[in-house]
Amino acid sequence: MPTPAGLTPEGQRMLAVTALMAIWWIGEGTAIAVTALLPLVLFPLLGILPSKLVAPIYGNHL
């Protein structure tokens, strides 16, 4: 499947993480809580976003 025109490498990695999370949520391959924490680990690891930008999203209260 070709990637959309103008999509950066970070965007491609973001799509891959999103697809992985969707597959895990739908297939219940692991606990939903574990799946929800994937961006906290994978975004900095894959160079999508630095951990300083990802971590506060998980600690933000409603």
PDB file of N, CA and C in Angstrom:
ATOM      1  N   MET A   1       0.847  -1.173   0.000  1.00  0.00           N
ATOM      2  CA  MET A   1       0.000   0.000   0.000  1.00  0.00           C
ATOM      3  C   MET A   1       0.893   1.236   0.000  1.00  0.00           C
ATOM      4  N   PRO A   2       0.744   2.119  -0.968  1.00  0.00           N
ATOM      5  CA  PRO A   2       1.587   3.311  -1.019  1.00  0.00           C
ATOM      6  C   PRO A   2       1.206   4.296   0.085  1.00  0.00           C
ATOM      7  N   THR A   3       2.215   5.016   0.556  1.00  0.00           N
ATOM      8  CA  THR A   3       1.955   6.022   1.586  1.00  0.00           C
ATOM      9  C   THR A   3       1.424   7.293   0.932  1.00  0.00           C
ATOM     10  N   PRO A   4       0.655   8.087   1.665  1.00  0.00           N
ATOM     11  CA  PRO A   4       0.144   9.343   1.114  1.00  0.00           C
ATOM     12  C   PRO A   4       1.287  10.283   0.731  1.00  0.00           C
ATOM     13  N   ALA A   5       1.080  11.046  -0.323  1.00  0.00           N
ATOM     14  CA  ALA A   5       2.097  11.978  -0.798  1.00  0.00           C
ATOM     15  C   ALA A   5       2.389  13.020   0.276  1.00  0.00           C
ATOM     16  N   GLY A   6       3.662  13.298   0.466  1.00  0.00           N
ATOM     17  CA  GLY A   6       4.077  14.321   1.411  1.00  0.00           C
ATOM     18  C   GLY A   6       4.134  13.869   2.858  1.00  0.00           C
ATOM     19  N   LEU A   7       3.895  12.597   3.126  1.00  0.00           N
ATOM     20  CA  LEU A   7       3.941  12.094   4.493  1.00  0.00           C
ATOM     21  C   LEU A   7       5.395  11.904   4.903  1.00  0.00           C
ATOM     22  N   THR A   8       5.770  12.532   6.004  1.00  0.00           N
ATOM     23  CA  THR A   8       7.148  12.461   6.483  1.00  0.00           C
ATOM     24  C   THR A   8       7.445  11.069   7.046  1.00  0.00           C
ATOM     25  N   PRO A   9       8.719  10.747   7.219  1.00  0.00           N
ATOM     26  CA  PRO A   9       9.057   9.463   7.846  1.00  0.00           C
ATOM     27  C   PRO A   9       8.449   9.322   9.249  1.00  0.00           C
ATOM     28  N   GLU A  10       8.400  10.428   9.997  1.00  0.00           N
ATOM     29  CA  GLU A  10       7.774  10.386  11.320  1.00  0.00           C
ATOM     30  C   GLU A  10       6.291  10.058  11.199  1.00  0.00           C
ATOM     31  N   GLY A  11       5.650  10.614  10.188  1.00  0.00           N
ATOM     32  CA  GLY A  11       4.240  10.334   9.946  1.00  0.00           C
ATOM     33  C   GLY A  11       4.007   8.878   9.583  1.00  0.00           C
ATOM     34  N   GLN A  12       4.929   8.313   8.809  1.00  0.00           N
ATOM     35  CA  GLN A  12       4.820   6.900   8.451  1.00  0.00           C
ATOM     36  C   GLN A  12       4.950   6.014   9.686  1.00  0.00           C
ATOM     37  N   ARG A  13       5.890   6.367  10.557  1.00  0.00           N
ATOM     38  CA  ARG A  13       6.050   5.593  11.794  1.00  0.00           C
ATOM     39  C   ARG A  13       4.835   5.753  12.693  1.00  0.00           C
ATOM     40  N   MET A  14       4.248   6.954  12.702  1.00  0.00           N
ATOM     41  CA  MET A  14       3.038   7.200  13.494  1.00  0.00           C
ATOM     42  C   MET A  14       1.885   6.334  12.982  1.00  0.00           C
ATOM     43  N   LEU A  15       1.739   6.238  11.670  1.00  0.00           N
ATOM     44  CA  LEU A  15       0.710   5.368  11.094  1.00  0.00           C
ATOM     45  C   LEU A  15       0.933   3.908  11.486  1.00  0.00           C
ATOM     46  N   ALA A  16       2.191   3.488  11.504  1.00  0.00           N
ATOM     47  CA  ALA A  16       2.500   2.105  11.877  1.00  0.00           C
ATOM     48  C   ALA A  16       2.126   1.834  13.334  1.00  0.00           C
ATOM     49  N   VAL A  17       2.435   2.772  14.226  1.00  0.00           N
ATOM     50  CA  VAL A  17       2.077   2.606  15.640  1.00  0.00           C
ATOM     51  C   VAL A  17       0.562   2.592  15.794  1.00  0.00           C
ATOM     52  N   THR A  18      -0.125   3.471  15.081  1.00  0.00           N
ATOM     53  CA  THR A  18      -1.585   3.522  15.146  1.00  0.00           C
ATOM     54  C   THR A  18      -2.199   2.213  14.653  1.00  0.00           C
ATOM     55  N   ALA A  19      -1.668   1.677  13.562  1.00  0.00           N
ATOM     56  CA  ALA A  19      -2.174   0.405  13.036  1.00  0.00           C
ATOM     57  C   ALA A  19      -1.921  -0.731  14.024  1.00  0.00           C
ATOM     58  N   LEU A  20      -0.736  -0.762  14.618  1.00  0.00           N
ATOM     59  CA  LEU A  20      -0.422  -1.786  15.610  1.00  0.00           C
ATOM     60  C   LEU A  20      -1.380  -1.708  16.792  1.00  0.00           C
ATOM     61  N   MET A  21      -1.630  -0.493  17.270  1.00  0.00           N
ATOM     62  CA  MET A  21      -2.544  -0.319  18.403  1.00  0.00           C
ATOM     63  C   MET A  21      -3.957  -0.754  18.037  1.00  0.00           C
ATOM     64  N   ALA A  22      -4.406  -0.404  16.846  1.00  0.00           N
ATOM     65  CA  ALA A  22      -5.756  -0.790  16.418  1.00  0.00           C
ATOM     66  C   ALA A  22      -5.887  -2.309  16.334  1.00  0.00           C
ATOM     67  N   ILE A  23      -4.870  -2.960  15.789  1.00  0.00           N
ATOM     68  CA  ILE A  23      -4.899  -4.423  15.683  1.00  0.00           C
ATOM     69  C   ILE A  23      -4.925  -5.054  17.070  1.00  0.00           C
ATOM     70  N   TRP A  24      -4.113  -4.533  17.981  1.00  0.00           N
ATOM     71  CA  TRP A  24      -4.084  -5.085  19.342  1.00  0.00           C
ATOM     72  C   TRP A  24      -5.393  -4.834  20.071  1.00  0.00           C
ATOM     73  N   TRP A  25      -6.002  -3.643  19.865  1.00  0.00           N
ATOM     74  CA  TRP A  25      -7.280  -3.352  20.523  1.00  0.00           C
ATOM     75  C   TRP A  25      -8.382  -4.265  19.986  1.00  0.00           C
ATOM     76  N   ILE A  26      -8.467  -4.364  18.669  1.00  0.00           N
ATOM     77  CA  ILE A  26      -9.528  -5.163  18.057  1.00  0.00           C
ATOM     78  C   ILE A  26      -9.328  -6.649  18.342  1.00  0.00           C
ATOM     79  N   GLY A  27      -8.105  -7.116  18.199  1.00  0.00           N
ATOM     80  CA  GLY A  27      -7.823  -8.529  18.404  1.00  0.00           C
ATOM     81  C   GLY A  27      -7.615  -8.913  19.851  1.00  0.00           C
ATOM     82  N   GLU A  28      -7.583  -7.925  20.730  1.00  0.00           N
ATOM     83  CA  GLU A  28      -7.344  -8.151  22.155  1.00  0.00           C
ATOM     84  C   GLU A  28      -6.114  -9.026  22.371  1.00  0.00           C
ATOM     85  N   GLY A  29      -5.035  -8.697  21.639  1.00  0.00           N
ATOM     86  CA  GLY A  29      -3.787  -9.441  21.753  1.00  0.00           C
ATOM     87  C   GLY A  29      -3.104  -9.251  23.089  1.00  0.00           C
ATOM     88  N   THR A  30      -3.399  -8.163  23.736  1.00  0.00           N
ATOM     89  CA  THR A  30      -2.876  -7.873  25.068  1.00  0.00           C
ATOM     90  C   THR A  30      -3.882  -6.984  25.780  1.00  0.00           C
ATOM     91  N   ALA A  31      -3.651  -6.719  27.032  1.00  0.00           N
ATOM     92  CA  ALA A  31      -4.577  -5.887  27.800  1.00  0.00           C
ATOM     93  C   ALA A  31      -4.677  -4.489  27.188  1.00  0.00           C
ATOM     94  N   ILE A  32      -5.850  -3.906  27.241  1.00  0.00           N
ATOM     95  CA  ILE A  32      -6.068  -2.581  26.663  1.00  0.00           C
ATOM     96  C   ILE A  32      -5.152  -1.552  27.315  1.00  0.00           C
ATOM     97  N   ALA A  33      -4.910  -1.678  28.609  1.00  0.00           N
ATOM     98  CA  ALA A  33      -4.035  -0.735  29.306  1.00  0.00           C
ATOM     99  C   ALA A  33      -2.611  -0.786  28.753  1.00  0.00           C
ATOM    100  N   VAL A  34      -2.147  -1.970  28.439  1.00  0.00           N
ATOM    101  CA  VAL A  34      -0.805  -2.116  27.864  1.00  0.00           C
ATOM    102  C   VAL A  34      -0.764  -1.484  26.480  1.00  0.00           C
ATOM    103  N   THR A  35      -1.777  -1.730  25.694  1.00  0.00           N
ATOM    104  CA  THR A  35      -1.852  -1.150  24.353  1.00  0.00           C
ATOM    105  C   THR A  35      -1.892   0.368  24.424  1.00  0.00           C
ATOM    106  N   ALA A  36      -2.618   0.908  25.379  1.00  0.00           N
ATOM    107  CA  ALA A  36      -2.734   2.360  25.517  1.00  0.00           C
ATOM    108  C   ALA A  36      -1.406   3.006  25.882  1.00  0.00           C
ATOM    109  N   LEU A  37      -0.508   2.263  26.485  1.00  0.00           N
ATOM    110  CA  LEU A  37       0.795   2.809  26.874  1.00  0.00           C
ATOM    111  C   LEU A  37       1.854   2.696  25.777  1.00  0.00           C
ATOM    112  N   LEU A  38       1.533   2.049  24.681  1.00  0.00           N
ATOM    113  CA  LEU A  38       2.505   1.902  23.591  1.00  0.00           C
ATOM    114  C   LEU A  38       3.079   3.236  23.105  1.00  0.00           C
ATOM    115  N   PRO A  39       2.258   4.272  22.887  1.00  0.00           N
ATOM    116  CA  PRO A  39       2.842   5.533  22.428  1.00  0.00           C
ATOM    117  C   PRO A  39       3.856   6.122  23.404  1.00  0.00           C
ATOM    118  N   LEU A  40       3.647   5.910  24.687  1.00  0.00           N
ATOM    119  CA  LEU A  40       4.573   6.422  25.694  1.00  0.00           C
ATOM    120  C   LEU A  40       5.970   5.848  25.492  1.00  0.00           C
ATOM    121  N   VAL A  41       6.036   4.621  25.025  1.00  0.00           N
ATOM    122  CA  VAL A  41       7.319   3.958  24.790  1.00  0.00           C
ATOM    123  C   VAL A  41       7.782   4.121  23.342  1.00  0.00           C
ATOM    124  N   LEU A  42       6.866   3.903  22.397  1.00  0.00           N
ATOM    125  CA  LEU A  42       7.262   3.844  20.987  1.00  0.00           C
ATOM    126  C   LEU A  42       7.495   5.207  20.343  1.00  0.00           C
ATOM    127  N   PHE A  43       6.750   6.231  20.733  1.00  0.00           N
ATOM    128  CA  PHE A  43       6.941   7.536  20.099  1.00  0.00           C
ATOM    129  C   PHE A  43       8.368   8.055  20.292  1.00  0.00           C
ATOM    130  N   PRO A  44       8.901   8.086  21.527  1.00  0.00           N
ATOM    131  CA  PRO A  44      10.293   8.530  21.667  1.00  0.00           C
ATOM    132  C   PRO A  44      11.285   7.557  21.029  1.00  0.00           C
ATOM    133  N   LEU A  45      11.029   6.262  21.159  1.00  0.00           N
ATOM    134  CA  LEU A  45      11.934   5.249  20.625  1.00  0.00           C
ATOM    135  C   LEU A  45      12.056   5.343  19.104  1.00  0.00           C
ATOM    136  N   LEU A  46      10.942   5.632  18.428  1.00  0.00           N
ATOM    137  CA  LEU A  46      10.934   5.708  16.965  1.00  0.00           C
ATOM    138  C   LEU A  46      11.171   7.121  16.431  1.00  0.00           C
ATOM    139  N   GLY A  47      11.393   8.080  17.319  1.00  0.00           N
ATOM    140  CA  GLY A  47      11.671   9.447  16.887  1.00  0.00           C
ATOM    141  C   GLY A  47      10.449  10.201  16.406  1.00  0.00           C
ATOM    142  N   ILE A  48       9.263   9.798  16.843  1.00  0.00           N
ATOM    143  CA  ILE A  48       8.034  10.484  16.443  1.00  0.00           C
ATOM    144  C   ILE A  48       7.863  11.755  17.257  1.00  0.00           C
ATOM    145  N   LEU A  49       7.944  11.627  18.564  1.00  0.00           N
ATOM    146  CA  LEU A  49       7.875  12.758  19.491  1.00  0.00           C
ATOM    147  C   LEU A  49       8.827  12.493  20.645  1.00  0.00           C
ATOM    148  N   PRO A  50       9.431  13.547  21.205  1.00  0.00           N
ATOM    149  CA  PRO A  50      10.281  13.336  22.375  1.00  0.00           C
ATOM    150  C   PRO A  50       9.439  12.995  23.606  1.00  0.00           C
ATOM    151  N   SER A  51      10.044  12.290  24.532  1.00  0.00           N
ATOM    152  CA  SER A  51       9.317  11.863  25.733  1.00  0.00           C
ATOM    153  C   SER A  51       8.802  13.038  26.545  1.00  0.00           C
ATOM    154  N   LYS A  52       9.466  14.185  26.463  1.00  0.00           N
ATOM    155  CA  LYS A  52       9.008  15.376  27.191  1.00  0.00           C
ATOM    156  C   LYS A  52       7.652  15.859  26.690  1.00  0.00           C
ATOM    157  N   LEU A  53       7.301  15.541  25.455  1.00  0.00           N
ATOM    158  CA  LEU A  53       5.996  15.927  24.918  1.00  0.00           C
ATOM    159  C   LEU A  53       4.952  14.828  25.090  1.00  0.00           C
ATOM    160  N   VAL A  54       5.388  13.584  25.142  1.00  0.00           N
ATOM    161  CA  VAL A  54       4.445  12.470  25.250  1.00  0.00           C
ATOM    162  C   VAL A  54       4.013  12.247  26.698  1.00  0.00           C
ATOM    163  N   ALA A  55       4.958  12.259  27.622  1.00  0.00           N
ATOM    164  CA  ALA A  55       4.667  11.932  29.022  1.00  0.00           C
ATOM    165  C   ALA A  55       3.615  12.842  29.659  1.00  0.00           C
ATOM    166  N   PRO A  56       3.644  14.156  29.448  1.00  0.00           N
ATOM    167  CA  PRO A  56       2.611  14.996  30.083  1.00  0.00           C
ATOM    168  C   PRO A  56       1.188  14.665  29.634  1.00  0.00           C
ATOM    169  N   ILE A  57       1.021  14.140  28.453  1.00  0.00           N
ATOM    170  CA  ILE A  57      -0.315  13.778  27.978  1.00  0.00           C
ATOM    171  C   ILE A  57      -0.899  12.671  28.856  1.00  0.00           C
ATOM    172  N   TYR A  58      -0.052  11.754  29.288  1.00  0.00           N
ATOM    173  CA  TYR A  58      -0.519  10.651  30.130  1.00  0.00           C
ATOM    174  C   TYR A  58      -0.732  11.077  31.578  1.00  0.00           C
ATOM    175  N   GLY A  59      -0.107  12.156  31.993  1.00  0.00           N
ATOM    176  CA  GLY A  59      -0.263  12.617  33.367  1.00  0.00           C
ATOM    177  C   GLY A  59      -1.273  13.728  33.521  1.00  0.00           C
ATOM    178  N   ASN A  60      -1.880  14.165  32.434  1.00  0.00           N
ATOM    179  CA  ASN A  60      -2.833  15.273  32.472  1.00  0.00           C
ATOM    180  C   ASN A  60      -4.146  14.819  33.099  1.00  0.00           C
ATOM    181  N   HIS A  61      -4.637  15.598  34.051  1.00  0.00           N
ATOM    182  CA  HIS A  61      -5.928  15.268  34.662  1.00  0.00           C
ATOM    183  C   HIS A  61      -7.063  15.896  33.856  1.00  0.00           C
ATOM    184  N   LEU A  62      -8.232  15.355  33.995  1.00  0.00           N
ATOM    185  CA  LEU A  62      -9.394  15.854  33.255  1.00  0.00           C
ATOM    186  C   LEU A  62     -10.030  17.004  33.958  1.00  0.00           C
TER     187      LEU A  62
END
